[in-house]
Amino acid sequence: MEKYLVIETFDQLVENIKRFNVDLLENDSDFIRFLSQYRQWYYLDELDLFGPSKFIGYRKMTAEKYKNKKGKGADGRATEAVISKWFVEVENEELMDKLERLLSKFGKKPSKLAKLNVLKSSSFF
């Protein structure tokens, strides 16, 4: 059984956050149903894109792979450990509003436990 491998480079993260947003627009309700379950959201202000750790933290992740992740070692704690070297958690009402607007396009709301993370070099401090 194929185990998912965590990303190793920032470029892999950028590729995945772009893929998440493309897949979000192109996929069915089986993928969209996860939106309210994600707790750790990462935002790239340069691209104006969000992505959840459980998706963006694994190499070459796609919506199809994500929907079939059960039993393949997908654990958000592993991804967050890697991603945290580039990001920092923030409390930012403007950014949370932006995430809420994104998810509302799909009839979803962020988890009540949702946390926002931005690049350590971000202007959101």
C-alpha atoms as a PDB file:
ATOM      1  CA  MET A   1       0.000   0.000   0.000  1.00  0.00           C
ATOM      2  CA  GLU A   2       1.360   3.402  -1.006  1.00  0.00           C
ATOM      3  CA  LYS A   3       2.076   5.720   1.931  1.00  0.00           C
ATOM      4  CA  TYR A   4       1.786   9.443   1.408  1.00  0.00           C
ATOM      5  CA  LEU A   5       5.075  11.297   1.738  1.00  0.00           C
ATOM      6  CA  VAL A   6       5.259  14.766   3.252  1.00  0.00           C
ATOM      7  CA  ILE A   7       6.602  17.630   1.207  1.00  0.00           C
ATOM      8  CA  GLU A   8      10.245  18.567   1.521  1.00  0.00           C
ATOM      9  CA  THR A   9      10.435  21.928  -0.232  1.00  0.00           C
ATOM     10  CA  PHE A  10       8.558  25.184  -0.287  1.00  0.00           C
ATOM     11  CA  ASP A  11       8.094  24.774  -4.047  1.00  0.00           C
ATOM     12  CA  GLN A  12       6.207  21.535  -3.414  1.00  0.00           C
ATOM     13  CA  LEU A  13       3.934  23.389  -1.009  1.00  0.00           C
ATOM     14  CA  VAL A  14       3.256  26.131  -3.574  1.00  0.00           C
ATOM     15  CA  GLU A  15       2.488  23.498  -6.222  1.00  0.00           C
ATOM     16  CA  ASN A  16       0.059  21.787  -3.839  1.00  0.00           C
ATOM     17  CA  ILE A  17      -1.737  24.946  -2.760  1.00  0.00           C
ATOM     18  CA  LYS A  18      -2.300  25.800  -6.422  1.00  0.00           C
ATOM     19  CA  ARG A  19      -3.506  22.233  -7.090  1.00  0.00           C
ATOM     20  CA  PHE A  20      -5.898  22.386  -4.121  1.00  0.00           C
ATOM     21  CA  ASN A  21      -7.539  25.527  -5.488  1.00  0.00           C
ATOM     22  CA  VAL A  22      -7.804  24.141  -9.036  1.00  0.00           C
ATOM     23  CA  ASP A  23      -9.227  20.853  -7.747  1.00  0.00           C
ATOM     24  CA  LEU A  24     -11.664  22.724  -5.540  1.00  0.00           C
ATOM     25  CA  LEU A  25     -13.155  24.420  -8.587  1.00  0.00           C
ATOM     26  CA  GLU A  26     -13.150  21.264 -10.708  1.00  0.00           C
ATOM     27  CA  ASN A  27     -14.277  18.569  -8.295  1.00  0.00           C
ATOM     28  CA  ASP A  28     -17.392  16.967  -7.026  1.00  0.00           C
ATOM     29  CA  SER A  29     -19.117  17.008  -3.671  1.00  0.00           C
ATOM     30  CA  ASP A  30     -17.020  14.061  -2.459  1.00  0.00           C
ATOM     31  CA  PHE A  31     -14.021  16.398  -2.303  1.00  0.00           C
ATOM     32  CA  ILE A  32     -15.886  19.540  -1.264  1.00  0.00           C
ATOM     33  CA  ARG A  33     -17.393  17.797   1.758  1.00  0.00           C
ATOM     34  CA  PHE A  34     -13.991  17.937   3.484  1.00  0.00           C
ATOM     35  CA  LEU A  35     -13.904  21.755   3.536  1.00  0.00           C
ATOM     36  CA  SER A  36     -15.611  22.127   6.916  1.00  0.00           C
ATOM     37  CA  GLN A  37     -13.386  19.480   8.486  1.00  0.00           C
ATOM     38  CA  TYR A  38     -10.021  21.118   7.922  1.00  0.00           C
ATOM     39  CA  ARG A  39      -8.573  22.795  10.998  1.00  0.00           C
ATOM     40  CA  GLN A  40      -5.235  24.184   9.830  1.00  0.00           C
ATOM     41  CA  TRP A  41      -5.456  26.583   6.900  1.00  0.00           C
ATOM     42  CA  TYR A  42      -2.423  28.119   5.234  1.00  0.00           C
ATOM     43  CA  TYR A  43      -2.573  31.316   3.208  1.00  0.00           C
ATOM     44  CA  LEU A  44      -0.122  32.543   0.579  1.00  0.00           C
ATOM     45  CA  ASP A  45      -0.730  36.252   0.211  1.00  0.00           C
ATOM     46  CA  GLU A  46       1.421  36.453  -2.935  1.00  0.00           C
ATOM     47  CA  LEU A  47      -1.022  34.091  -4.670  1.00  0.00           C
ATOM     48  CA  ASP A  48      -4.116  35.009  -2.628  1.00  0.00           C
ATOM     49  CA  LEU A  49      -4.761  31.290  -2.064  1.00  0.00           C
ATOM     50  CA  PHE A  50      -5.667  29.108   0.910  1.00  0.00           C
ATOM     51  CA  GLY A  51      -4.888  25.447   1.434  1.00  0.00           C
ATOM     52  CA  PRO A  52      -5.381  22.996   4.299  1.00  0.00           C
ATOM     53  CA  SER A  53      -2.392  21.218   5.804  1.00  0.00           C
ATOM     54  CA  LYS A  54      -3.757  17.727   5.178  1.00  0.00           C
ATOM     55  CA  PHE A  55      -3.782  18.449   1.453  1.00  0.00           C
ATOM     56  CA  ILE A  56      -0.869  20.801   0.829  1.00  0.00           C
ATOM     57  CA  GLY A  57       1.539  18.939   3.085  1.00  0.00           C
ATOM     58  CA  TYR A  58       1.760  15.760   0.990  1.00  0.00           C
ATOM     59  CA  ARG A  59       3.788  15.393  -2.184  1.00  0.00           C
ATOM     60  CA  LYS A  60       1.842  15.602  -5.435  1.00  0.00           C
ATOM     61  CA  MET A  61      -1.518  15.561  -3.698  1.00  0.00           C
ATOM     62  CA  THR A  62      -4.673  15.734  -5.814  1.00  0.00           C
ATOM     63  CA  ALA A  63      -8.353  15.718  -4.958  1.00  0.00           C
ATOM     64  CA  GLU A  64      -8.646  12.156  -6.238  1.00  0.00           C
ATOM     65  CA  LYS A  65      -5.761  10.971  -4.052  1.00  0.00           C
ATOM     66  CA  TYR A  66      -7.142  12.892  -1.077  1.00  0.00           C
ATOM     67  CA  LYS A  67     -10.594  11.324  -1.369  1.00  0.00           C
ATOM     68  CA  ASN A  68      -8.931   7.887  -1.216  1.00  0.00           C
ATOM     69  CA  LYS A  69      -6.413   8.639   1.540  1.00  0.00           C
ATOM     70  CA  LYS A  70      -7.778   6.242   4.154  1.00  0.00           C
ATOM     71  CA  GLY A  71      -5.093   3.851   5.366  1.00  0.00           C
ATOM     72  CA  LYS A  72      -2.269   5.595   3.523  1.00  0.00           C
ATOM     73  CA  GLY A  73      -0.644   7.342   6.459  1.00  0.00           C
ATOM     74  CA  ALA A  74      -2.259  10.744   5.960  1.00  0.00           C
ATOM     75  CA  ASP A  75      -1.908  12.585   9.266  1.00  0.00           C
ATOM     76  CA  GLY A  76      -2.205  16.358   9.621  1.00  0.00           C
ATOM     77  CA  ARG A  77       0.326  16.397  12.464  1.00  0.00           C
ATOM     78  CA  ALA A  78       3.041  15.176  10.109  1.00  0.00           C
ATOM     79  CA  THR A  79       2.260  17.851   7.539  1.00  0.00           C
ATOM     80  CA  GLU A  80       1.991  20.632  10.107  1.00  0.00           C
ATOM     81  CA  ALA A  81       5.423  19.769  11.490  1.00  0.00           C
ATOM     82  CA  VAL A  82       6.947  20.375   8.054  1.00  0.00           C
ATOM     83  CA  ILE A  83       4.827  23.368   7.032  1.00  0.00           C
ATOM     84  CA  SER A  84       5.410  25.193  10.319  1.00  0.00           C
ATOM     85  CA  LYS A  85       9.001  26.004   9.364  1.00  0.00           C
ATOM     86  CA  TRP A  86       7.647  28.493   6.798  1.00  0.00           C
ATOM     87  CA  PHE A  87       4.404  29.618   8.460  1.00  0.00           C
ATOM     88  CA  VAL A  88       3.135  31.086  11.688  1.00  0.00           C
ATOM     89  CA  GLU A  89      -0.360  31.009  13.159  1.00  0.00           C
ATOM     90  CA  VAL A  90      -2.221  34.326  13.236  1.00  0.00           C
ATOM     91  CA  GLU A  91      -5.531  35.643  14.431  1.00  0.00           C
ATOM     92  CA  ASN A  92      -6.755  37.939  11.696  1.00  0.00           C
ATOM     93  CA  GLU A  93     -10.415  38.785  11.222  1.00  0.00           C
ATOM     94  CA  GLU A  94      -9.906  40.009   7.648  1.00  0.00           C
ATOM     95  CA  LEU A  95      -8.229  36.768   6.653  1.00  0.00           C
ATOM     96  CA  MET A  96     -10.861  34.627   8.396  1.00  0.00           C
ATOM     97  CA  ASP A  97     -13.566  36.573   6.546  1.00  0.00           C
ATOM     98  CA  LYS A  98     -11.750  35.825   3.286  1.00  0.00           C
ATOM     99  CA  LEU A  99     -11.658  32.100   4.109  1.00  0.00           C
ATOM    100  CA  GLU A 100     -15.347  32.157   5.041  1.00  0.00           C
ATOM    101  CA  ARG A 101     -16.206  33.794   1.704  1.00  0.00           C
ATOM    102  CA  LEU A 102     -14.212  31.159  -0.179  1.00  0.00           C
ATOM    103  CA  LEU A 103     -15.879  28.241   1.571  1.00  0.00           C
ATOM    104  CA  SER A 104     -19.339  29.776   1.307  1.00  0.00           C
ATOM    105  CA  LYS A 105     -19.051  29.481  -2.485  1.00  0.00           C
ATOM    106  CA  PHE A 106     -19.297  25.735  -1.888  1.00  0.00           C
ATOM    107  CA  GLY A 107     -21.989  25.923   0.796  1.00  0.00           C
ATOM    108  CA  LYS A 108     -19.476  25.339   3.605  1.00  0.00           C
ATOM    109  CA  LYS A 109     -18.138  27.139   6.671  1.00  0.00           C
ATOM    110  CA  PRO A 110     -14.748  26.800   8.346  1.00  0.00           C
ATOM    111  CA  SER A 111     -14.545  24.456  11.308  1.00  0.00           C
ATOM    112  CA  LYS A 112     -15.096  26.225  14.626  1.00  0.00           C
ATOM    113  CA  LEU A 113     -11.575  25.015  15.438  1.00  0.00           C
ATOM    114  CA  ALA A 114     -10.048  26.460  12.244  1.00  0.00           C
ATOM    115  CA  LYS A 115      -6.680  28.178  12.592  1.00  0.00           C
ATOM    116  CA  LEU A 116      -5.059  30.489  10.072  1.00  0.00           C
ATOM    117  CA  ASN A 117      -1.395  30.435   9.180  1.00  0.00           C
ATOM    118  CA  VAL A 118       0.592  32.842   7.031  1.00  0.00           C
ATOM    119  CA  LEU A 119       4.159  32.948   5.827  1.00  0.00           C
ATOM    120  CA  LYS A 120       6.571  34.189   8.441  1.00  0.00           C
ATOM    121  CA  SER A 121       7.460  36.981   6.001  1.00  0.00           C
ATOM    122  CA  SER A 122       3.800  37.921   5.446  1.00  0.00           C
ATOM    123  CA  SER A 123       2.290  41.367   5.922  1.00  0.00           C
ATOM    124  CA  PHE A 124      -0.523  39.923   8.081  1.00  0.00           C
ATOM    125  CA  PHE A 125       1.171  40.666  11.409  1.00  0.00           C
END
